[in-house]
C-alpha atoms as a PDB file:
ATOM      1  CA  UNK A   1       0.000   0.000   0.000  1.00  0.00           C
ATOM      2  CA  UNK A   2       2.855   2.356   0.837  1.00  0.00           C
ATOM      3  CA  UNK A   3       4.461   1.934  -2.598  1.00  0.00           C
ATOM      4  CA  UNK A   4       1.228   2.713  -4.401  1.00  0.00           C
ATOM      5  CA  UNK A   5       0.500   5.743  -2.247  1.00  0.00           C
ATOM      6  CA  UNK A   6       4.034   7.052  -2.648  1.00  0.00           C
ATOM      7  CA  UNK A   7       4.385   6.514  -6.370  1.00  0.00           C
ATOM      8  CA  UNK A   8       0.841   7.235  -7.484  1.00  0.00           C
ATOM      9  CA  UNK A   9      -0.814   9.865  -5.319  1.00  0.00           C
ATOM     10  CA  UNK A  10       2.291  11.704  -4.069  1.00  0.00           C
ATOM     11  CA  UNK A  11       3.871  12.045  -7.495  1.00  0.00           C
ATOM     12  CA  UNK A  12       0.561  13.010  -9.098  1.00  0.00           C
ATOM     13  CA  UNK A  13       0.073  15.756  -6.538  1.00  0.00           C
ATOM     14  CA  UNK A  14       3.627  17.006  -6.953  1.00  0.00           C
ATOM     15  CA  UNK A  15       3.436  17.497 -10.731  1.00  0.00           C
ATOM     16  CA  UNK A  16       0.842  19.761 -12.262  1.00  0.00           C
ATOM     17  CA  UNK A  17       1.114  18.076 -15.664  1.00  0.00           C
ATOM     18  CA  UNK A  18      -0.537  14.631 -15.753  1.00  0.00           C
ATOM     19  CA  UNK A  19       1.708  13.381 -18.559  1.00  0.00           C
ATOM     20  CA  UNK A  20       4.860  14.229 -16.629  1.00  0.00           C
ATOM     21  CA  UNK A  21       3.384  12.698 -13.458  1.00  0.00           C
ATOM     22  CA  UNK A  22       2.530   9.518 -15.376  1.00  0.00           C
ATOM     23  CA  UNK A  23       6.021   9.194 -16.854  1.00  0.00           C
ATOM     24  CA  UNK A  24       7.882  10.025 -13.629  1.00  0.00           C
ATOM     25  CA  UNK A  25       5.675   7.712 -11.582  1.00  0.00           C
ATOM     26  CA  UNK A  26       6.096   4.788 -13.969  1.00  0.00           C
ATOM     27  CA  UNK A  27       9.838   5.113 -14.415  1.00  0.00           C
ATOM     28  CA  UNK A  28      10.659   5.830 -10.771  1.00  0.00           C
ATOM     29  CA  UNK A  29       8.553   2.878  -9.564  1.00  0.00           C
ATOM     30  CA  UNK A  30      10.294   0.473 -11.955  1.00  0.00           C
ATOM     31  CA  UNK A  31      13.709   2.009 -11.164  1.00  0.00           C
ATOM     32  CA  UNK A  32      13.132   1.575  -7.426  1.00  0.00           C
ATOM     33  CA  UNK A  33      12.552  -2.147  -7.979  1.00  0.00           C
ATOM     34  CA  UNK A  34      15.507  -2.722 -10.307  1.00  0.00           C
ATOM     35  CA  UNK A  35      18.000   0.137 -10.269  1.00  0.00           C
ATOM     36  CA  UNK A  36      20.345   0.362 -13.235  1.00  0.00           C
ATOM     37  CA  UNK A  37      19.645  -3.180 -14.356  1.00  0.00           C
ATOM     38  CA  UNK A  38      18.460  -4.529 -17.719  1.00  0.00           C
ATOM     39  CA  UNK A  39      15.538  -6.170 -15.924  1.00  0.00           C
ATOM     40  CA  UNK A  40      14.045  -2.661 -15.821  1.00  0.00           C
ATOM     41  CA  UNK A  41      12.657  -3.579 -19.248  1.00  0.00           C
ATOM     42  CA  UNK A  42      10.494  -6.202 -17.551  1.00  0.00           C
ATOM     43  CA  UNK A  43       9.356  -4.044 -14.630  1.00  0.00           C
ATOM     44  CA  UNK A  44       8.560  -0.939 -16.664  1.00  0.00           C
ATOM     45  CA  UNK A  45       5.473  -2.377 -18.436  1.00  0.00           C
ATOM     46  CA  UNK A  46       4.095  -3.586 -15.097  1.00  0.00           C
ATOM     47  CA  UNK A  47       4.712  -0.141 -13.641  1.00  0.00           C
ATOM     48  CA  UNK A  48       2.977   1.507 -16.597  1.00  0.00           C
ATOM     49  CA  UNK A  49      -0.058  -0.750 -16.068  1.00  0.00           C
ATOM     50  CA  UNK A  50      -0.278   0.144 -12.378  1.00  0.00           C
ATOM     51  CA  UNK A  51       0.123   3.844 -13.159  1.00  0.00           C
ATOM     52  CA  UNK A  52      -2.511   3.641 -15.892  1.00  0.00           C
ATOM     53  CA  UNK A  53      -4.959   2.020 -13.480  1.00  0.00           C
ATOM     54  CA  UNK A  54      -4.482   4.886 -11.036  1.00  0.00           C
ATOM     55  CA  UNK A  55      -4.411   7.549 -13.778  1.00  0.00           C
ATOM     56  CA  UNK A  56      -7.799   6.567 -15.247  1.00  0.00           C
ATOM     57  CA  UNK A  57      -9.940   7.362 -12.209  1.00  0.00           C
ATOM     58  CA  UNK A  58      -7.501   8.456  -9.480  1.00  0.00           C
ATOM     59  CA  UNK A  59      -8.682   5.615  -7.217  1.00  0.00           C
ATOM     60  CA  UNK A  60      -5.729   4.327  -5.228  1.00  0.00           C
ATOM     61  CA  UNK A  61      -7.541   1.184  -4.101  1.00  0.00           C
ATOM     62  CA  UNK A  62      -7.671  -0.158  -7.656  1.00  0.00           C
ATOM     63  CA  UNK A  63      -3.916   0.050  -8.197  1.00  0.00           C
ATOM     64  CA  UNK A  64      -3.324  -1.413  -4.715  1.00  0.00           C
ATOM     65  CA  UNK A  65      -5.580  -4.374  -5.575  1.00  0.00           C
ATOM     66  CA  UNK A  66      -3.847  -5.048  -8.901  1.00  0.00           C
ATOM     67  CA  UNK A  67      -0.411  -4.634  -7.306  1.00  0.00           C
ATOM     68  CA  UNK A  68      -1.387  -7.165  -4.634  1.00  0.00           C
ATOM     69  CA  UNK A  69      -2.617  -9.599  -7.271  1.00  0.00           C
ATOM     70  CA  UNK A  70       0.610  -9.180  -9.229  1.00  0.00           C
ATOM     71  CA  UNK A  71       2.635  -9.901  -6.100  1.00  0.00           C
ATOM     72  CA  UNK A  72       0.502 -12.973  -5.352  1.00  0.00           C
ATOM     73  CA  UNK A  73       1.054 -14.248  -8.884  1.00  0.00           C
ATOM     74  CA  UNK A  74       4.717 -13.263  -8.904  1.00  0.00           C
ATOM     75  CA  UNK A  75       6.165 -16.795  -8.798  1.00  0.00           C
ATOM     76  CA  UNK A  76       4.191 -17.712 -11.923  1.00  0.00           C
ATOM     77  CA  UNK A  77       4.940 -14.375 -13.599  1.00  0.00           C
ATOM     78  CA  UNK A  78       8.683 -14.811 -12.973  1.00  0.00           C
ATOM     79  CA  UNK A  79       8.718 -18.231 -14.632  1.00  0.00           C
ATOM     80  CA  UNK A  80       6.791 -16.860 -17.616  1.00  0.00           C
ATOM     81  CA  UNK A  81       9.056 -13.822 -17.954  1.00  0.00           C
ATOM     82  CA  UNK A  82      12.169 -15.958 -17.680  1.00  0.00           C
ATOM     83  CA  UNK A  83      10.849 -18.231 -20.404  1.00  0.00           C
ATOM     84  CA  UNK A  84       9.900 -15.313 -22.666  1.00  0.00           C
ATOM     85  CA  UNK A  85      12.976 -13.125 -22.123  1.00  0.00           C
ATOM     86  CA  UNK A  86      15.617 -15.741 -21.385  1.00  0.00           C
ATOM     87  CA  UNK A  87      16.748 -13.669 -18.382  1.00  0.00           C
ATOM     88  CA  UNK A  88      17.226 -15.872 -15.319  1.00  0.00           C
ATOM     89  CA  UNK A  89      18.298 -13.430 -12.627  1.00  0.00           C
ATOM     90  CA  UNK A  90      14.934 -11.917 -11.713  1.00  0.00           C
END
């Protein structure tokens, strides 16, 4: 819940421009999870999805729910991503 509140609502309130808020929120969330690592390519689409969910209606609960579901499905997602990308250090 903290991650979603920090990266969705806080960043959206900080920036006046929604497009800039969307971009900064998506990239910073993915960067926080990966740092300067090529796996950022995998986390960025997930971050964009979570940001898009919040951006549509500005309801934090929806992005929290999807984030929780993603975390619950993470073991399966990791195997799928490793198979698709060939990267085995997730």
